[in-house]
Amino acid sequence: MDEEAPTRRCLKLRRCLHGNFSAVIPVLVDACTTLRAMLDEDCDLDKYLDVSDLSQVDLHEACSGFHEPDLSDDADSLKLLRVWTTQTSILRRGLLCYLLSLSADSSSADYSRWSAAVAAMRTVAVSAGSGAEQLHQVLLEDERELILT
């Protein structure tokens, strides 16, 4: 029974991460899509992408949506989690680049543009915060189990 405990803990963490990625990636994609639509033609997006070590192709692929690969043998595999970690990283850096590229020139369109940007960021924050809290609870539970054994 003691040999199965680390495997159970690892499986719980993987399942929690799977659920978190399943929830946050579509939210990040929506936020990136929303912000990209508000960019001006002459914005400095390429400059910010270069600084963030991203290409338009990488960002477009990451924004193509959330797809669960067909891993019928193990839905919580490490390979899948690595793919989603990379996709999340690209989306978060891309989101920052989109935010930095938004114009702010005190025009009348600024209020609506930045209100939409703030709303998108709040949605991302709620989703990511919820996932972080779930992961924290799983880790606390594992810590309690370790102390009890």
C-alpha atoms as a PDB file:
ATOM      1  CA  MET A   1       0.000   0.000   0.000  1.00  0.00           C
ATOM      2  CA  ASP A   2       2.862   2.397   0.730  1.00  0.00           C
ATOM      3  CA  GLU A   3       4.192   1.908  -2.791  1.00  0.00           C
ATOM      4  CA  GLU A   4       0.893   3.075  -4.316  1.00  0.00           C
ATOM      5  CA  ALA A   5       0.710   6.337  -2.333  1.00  0.00           C
ATOM      6  CA  PRO A   6       3.117   8.352  -4.537  1.00  0.00           C
ATOM      7  CA  THR A   7       1.345   7.107  -7.648  1.00  0.00           C
ATOM      8  CA  ARG A   8      -2.049   8.164  -6.271  1.00  0.00           C
ATOM      9  CA  ARG A   9      -0.707  11.603  -5.322  1.00  0.00           C
ATOM     10  CA  CYS A  10       0.844  12.052  -8.732  1.00  0.00           C
ATOM     11  CA  LEU A  11      -2.387  10.973 -10.420  1.00  0.00           C
ATOM     12  CA  LYS A  12      -4.391  13.487  -8.360  1.00  0.00           C
ATOM     13  CA  LEU A  13      -2.009  16.271  -9.350  1.00  0.00           C
ATOM     14  CA  ARG A  14      -2.148  15.287 -13.020  1.00  0.00           C
ATOM     15  CA  ARG A  15      -5.927  15.214 -12.984  1.00  0.00           C
ATOM     16  CA  CYS A  16      -6.046  18.593 -11.289  1.00  0.00           C
ATOM     17  CA  LEU A  17      -3.622  20.042 -13.845  1.00  0.00           C
ATOM     18  CA  HIS A  18      -5.627  18.482 -16.666  1.00  0.00           C
ATOM     19  CA  GLY A  19      -8.785  20.162 -15.404  1.00  0.00           C
ATOM     20  CA  ASN A  20      -7.021  23.483 -14.901  1.00  0.00           C
ATOM     21  CA  PHE A  21      -5.523  23.504 -18.388  1.00  0.00           C
ATOM     22  CA  SER A  22      -8.893  22.464 -19.854  1.00  0.00           C
ATOM     23  CA  ALA A  23     -10.445  25.488 -18.170  1.00  0.00           C
ATOM     24  CA  VAL A  24      -7.791  28.171 -18.666  1.00  0.00           C
ATOM     25  CA  ILE A  25      -6.611  27.548 -22.243  1.00  0.00           C
ATOM     26  CA  PRO A  26      -9.975  28.379 -23.884  1.00  0.00           C
ATOM     27  CA  VAL A  27     -10.200  31.515 -21.720  1.00  0.00           C
ATOM     28  CA  LEU A  28      -6.720  32.592 -22.817  1.00  0.00           C
ATOM     29  CA  VAL A  29      -7.586  31.918 -26.464  1.00  0.00           C
ATOM     30  CA  ASP A  30     -10.743  34.036 -26.150  1.00  0.00           C
ATOM     31  CA  ALA A  31      -8.813  36.866 -24.487  1.00  0.00           C
ATOM     32  CA  CYS A  32      -6.118  36.789 -27.179  1.00  0.00           C
ATOM     33  CA  THR A  33      -8.757  36.798 -29.912  1.00  0.00           C
ATOM     34  CA  THR A  34     -10.571  39.724 -28.296  1.00  0.00           C
ATOM     35  CA  LEU A  35      -7.404  41.798 -27.893  1.00  0.00           C
ATOM     36  CA  ARG A  36      -6.049  40.954 -31.349  1.00  0.00           C
ATOM     37  CA  ALA A  37      -9.277  42.261 -32.897  1.00  0.00           C
ATOM     38  CA  MET A  38      -8.772  45.629 -31.177  1.00  0.00           C
ATOM     39  CA  LEU A  39      -5.221  46.219 -32.442  1.00  0.00           C
ATOM     40  CA  ASP A  40      -4.477  49.010 -34.897  1.00  0.00           C
ATOM     41  CA  GLU A  41      -2.874  48.167 -38.232  1.00  0.00           C
ATOM     42  CA  ASP A  42       0.283  50.110 -37.354  1.00  0.00           C
ATOM     43  CA  CYS A  43       0.757  48.700 -33.850  1.00  0.00           C
ATOM     44  CA  ASP A  44       4.101  47.476 -32.515  1.00  0.00           C
ATOM     45  CA  LEU A  45       3.011  43.856 -32.079  1.00  0.00           C
ATOM     46  CA  ASP A  46       6.010  42.414 -33.956  1.00  0.00           C
ATOM     47  CA  LYS A  47       8.391  44.316 -31.698  1.00  0.00           C
ATOM     48  CA  TYR A  48       6.744  42.944 -28.552  1.00  0.00           C
ATOM     49  CA  LEU A  49       6.582  39.426 -29.995  1.00  0.00           C
ATOM     50  CA  ASP A  50      10.292  39.606 -30.756  1.00  0.00           C
ATOM     51  CA  VAL A  51      11.091  40.712 -27.198  1.00  0.00           C
ATOM     52  CA  SER A  52       8.909  37.878 -25.860  1.00  0.00           C
ATOM     53  CA  ASP A  53      10.645  35.363 -28.138  1.00  0.00           C
ATOM     54  CA  LEU A  54       7.414  34.548 -29.979  1.00  0.00           C
ATOM     55  CA  SER A  55       6.537  34.398 -33.628  1.00  0.00           C
ATOM     56  CA  GLN A  56       3.216  35.146 -35.265  1.00  0.00           C
ATOM     57  CA  VAL A  57       3.074  31.490 -36.323  1.00  0.00           C
ATOM     58  CA  ASP A  58       3.574  30.203 -32.760  1.00  0.00           C
ATOM     59  CA  LEU A  59       0.909  32.530 -31.453  1.00  0.00           C
ATOM     60  CA  HIS A  60      -1.505  31.649 -34.246  1.00  0.00           C
ATOM     61  CA  GLU A  61      -1.031  27.921 -33.578  1.00  0.00           C
ATOM     62  CA  ALA A  62      -1.562  28.403 -29.840  1.00  0.00           C
ATOM     63  CA  CYS A  63      -4.672  30.486 -30.533  1.00  0.00           C
ATOM     64  CA  SER A  64      -6.066  27.907 -32.927  1.00  0.00           C
ATOM     65  CA  GLY A  65      -7.906  26.550 -29.954  1.00  0.00           C
ATOM     66  CA  PHE A  66      -7.869  23.952 -27.288  1.00  0.00           C
ATOM     67  CA  HIS A  67      -7.730  20.437 -28.651  1.00  0.00           C
ATOM     68  CA  GLU A  68      -7.450  17.348 -26.539  1.00  0.00           C
ATOM     69  CA  PRO A  69      -4.994  15.070 -28.311  1.00  0.00           C
ATOM     70  CA  ASP A  70      -6.074  11.488 -28.771  1.00  0.00           C
ATOM     71  CA  LEU A  71      -4.134   9.774 -26.014  1.00  0.00           C
ATOM     72  CA  SER A  72      -6.505   6.929 -25.364  1.00  0.00           C
ATOM     73  CA  ASP A  73      -4.102   5.119 -23.065  1.00  0.00           C
ATOM     74  CA  ASP A  74      -3.605   7.928 -20.566  1.00  0.00           C
ATOM     75  CA  ALA A  75      -5.525  11.205 -20.704  1.00  0.00           C
ATOM     76  CA  ASP A  76      -3.385  12.633 -17.892  1.00  0.00           C
ATOM     77  CA  SER A  77      -0.056  11.778 -19.483  1.00  0.00           C
ATOM     78  CA  LEU A  78       3.004  13.885 -18.929  1.00  0.00           C
ATOM     79  CA  LYS A  79       3.341  14.434 -22.671  1.00  0.00           C
ATOM     80  CA  LEU A  80      -0.110  15.998 -22.825  1.00  0.00           C
ATOM     81  CA  LEU A  81       0.606  18.174 -19.791  1.00  0.00           C
ATOM     82  CA  ARG A  82       3.856  19.372 -21.389  1.00  0.00           C
ATOM     83  CA  VAL A  83       2.000  20.303 -24.592  1.00  0.00           C
ATOM     84  CA  TRP A  84      -0.577  22.269 -22.624  1.00  0.00           C
ATOM     85  CA  THR A  85       2.097  23.937 -20.502  1.00  0.00           C
ATOM     86  CA  THR A  86       3.813  25.148 -23.666  1.00  0.00           C
ATOM     87  CA  GLN A  87       0.524  26.314 -25.177  1.00  0.00           C
ATOM     88  CA  THR A  88      -0.381  28.175 -21.990  1.00  0.00           C
ATOM     89  CA  SER A  89       3.021  29.848 -21.867  1.00  0.00           C
ATOM     90  CA  ILE A  90       2.710  31.015 -25.467  1.00  0.00           C
ATOM     91  CA  LEU A  91      -0.816  32.293 -24.899  1.00  0.00           C
ATOM     92  CA  ARG A  92       0.129  34.202 -21.749  1.00  0.00           C
ATOM     93  CA  ARG A  93       3.128  35.855 -23.406  1.00  0.00           C
ATOM     94  CA  GLY A  94       1.036  36.598 -26.498  1.00  0.00           C
ATOM     95  CA  LEU A  95      -1.679  38.134 -24.336  1.00  0.00           C
ATOM     96  CA  LEU A  96       0.902  40.448 -22.782  1.00  0.00           C
ATOM     97  CA  CYS A  97       2.136  41.414 -26.247  1.00  0.00           C
ATOM     98  CA  TYR A  98      -1.414  42.215 -27.346  1.00  0.00           C
ATOM     99  CA  LEU A  99      -1.948  44.354 -24.249  1.00  0.00           C
ATOM    100  CA  LEU A 100       1.295  46.227 -24.836  1.00  0.00           C
ATOM    101  CA  SER A 101       0.317  46.799 -28.470  1.00  0.00           C
ATOM    102  CA  LEU A 102      -3.072  48.322 -27.695  1.00  0.00           C
ATOM    103  CA  SER A 103      -3.109  52.015 -28.405  1.00  0.00           C
ATOM    104  CA  ALA A 104      -3.887  54.500 -25.687  1.00  0.00           C
ATOM    105  CA  ASP A 105      -4.203  57.915 -27.239  1.00  0.00           C
ATOM    106  CA  SER A 106      -7.022  59.432 -25.167  1.00  0.00           C
ATOM    107  CA  SER A 107      -9.483  59.082 -27.996  1.00  0.00           C
ATOM    108  CA  SER A 108     -13.137  58.278 -27.501  1.00  0.00           C
ATOM    109  CA  ALA A 109     -12.492  54.690 -28.623  1.00  0.00           C
ATOM    110  CA  ASP A 110      -9.990  54.205 -25.794  1.00  0.00           C
ATOM    111  CA  TYR A 111     -12.624  53.768 -23.133  1.00  0.00           C
ATOM    112  CA  SER A 112     -14.466  50.951 -24.888  1.00  0.00           C
ATOM    113  CA  ARG A 113     -11.252  49.302 -26.086  1.00  0.00           C
ATOM    114  CA  TRP A 114      -9.627  49.308 -22.653  1.00  0.00           C
ATOM    115  CA  SER A 115     -12.874  48.335 -20.895  1.00  0.00           C
ATOM    116  CA  ALA A 116     -12.982  45.235 -23.097  1.00  0.00           C
ATOM    117  CA  ALA A 117      -9.312  44.564 -22.382  1.00  0.00           C
ATOM    118  CA  VAL A 118      -9.853  44.837 -18.626  1.00  0.00           C
ATOM    119  CA  ALA A 119     -12.886  42.544 -18.838  1.00  0.00           C
ATOM    120  CA  ALA A 120     -10.834  39.961 -20.752  1.00  0.00           C
ATOM    121  CA  MET A 121      -8.036  40.158 -18.190  1.00  0.00           C
ATOM    122  CA  ARG A 122     -10.485  39.766 -15.308  1.00  0.00           C
ATOM    123  CA  THR A 123     -11.879  36.635 -16.928  1.00  0.00           C
ATOM    124  CA  VAL A 124      -8.361  35.237 -17.313  1.00  0.00           C
ATOM    125  CA  ALA A 125      -7.538  36.141 -13.705  1.00  0.00           C
ATOM    126  CA  VAL A 126     -10.653  34.417 -12.348  1.00  0.00           C
ATOM    127  CA  SER A 127      -9.999  31.269 -14.360  1.00  0.00           C
ATOM    128  CA  ALA A 128      -6.305  31.101 -13.488  1.00  0.00           C
ATOM    129  CA  GLY A 129      -6.970  31.949  -9.838  1.00  0.00           C
ATOM    130  CA  SER A 130      -9.579  29.228  -9.546  1.00  0.00           C
ATOM    131  CA  GLY A 131      -7.175  26.700 -11.022  1.00  0.00           C
ATOM    132  CA  ALA A 132      -4.386  27.796  -8.725  1.00  0.00           C
ATOM    133  CA  GLU A 133      -6.665  27.426  -5.717  1.00  0.00           C
ATOM    134  CA  GLN A 134      -7.678  23.917  -6.776  1.00  0.00           C
ATOM    135  CA  LEU A 135      -4.044  22.935  -7.226  1.00  0.00           C
ATOM    136  CA  HIS A 136      -3.201  24.441  -3.841  1.00  0.00           C
ATOM    137  CA  GLN A 137      -5.944  22.372  -2.199  1.00  0.00           C
ATOM    138  CA  VAL A 138      -4.641  19.158  -3.795  1.00  0.00           C
ATOM    139  CA  LEU A 139      -1.126  19.943  -2.600  1.00  0.00           C
ATOM    140  CA  LEU A 140      -2.385  20.691   0.929  1.00  0.00           C
ATOM    141  CA  GLU A 141      -4.276  17.424   0.944  1.00  0.00           C
ATOM    142  CA  ASP A 142      -1.146  15.565  -0.148  1.00  0.00           C
ATOM    143  CA  GLU A 143       0.879  17.311   2.530  1.00  0.00           C
ATOM    144  CA  ARG A 144      -1.632  16.277   5.193  1.00  0.00           C
ATOM    145  CA  GLU A 145      -1.489  12.679   3.982  1.00  0.00           C
ATOM    146  CA  LEU A 146       2.306  12.716   4.162  1.00  0.00           C
ATOM    147  CA  ILE A 147       2.230  14.048   7.708  1.00  0.00           C
ATOM    148  CA  LEU A 148      -0.264  11.393   8.781  1.00  0.00           C
ATOM    149  CA  THR A 149       1.845   8.536   7.372  1.00  0.00           C
END
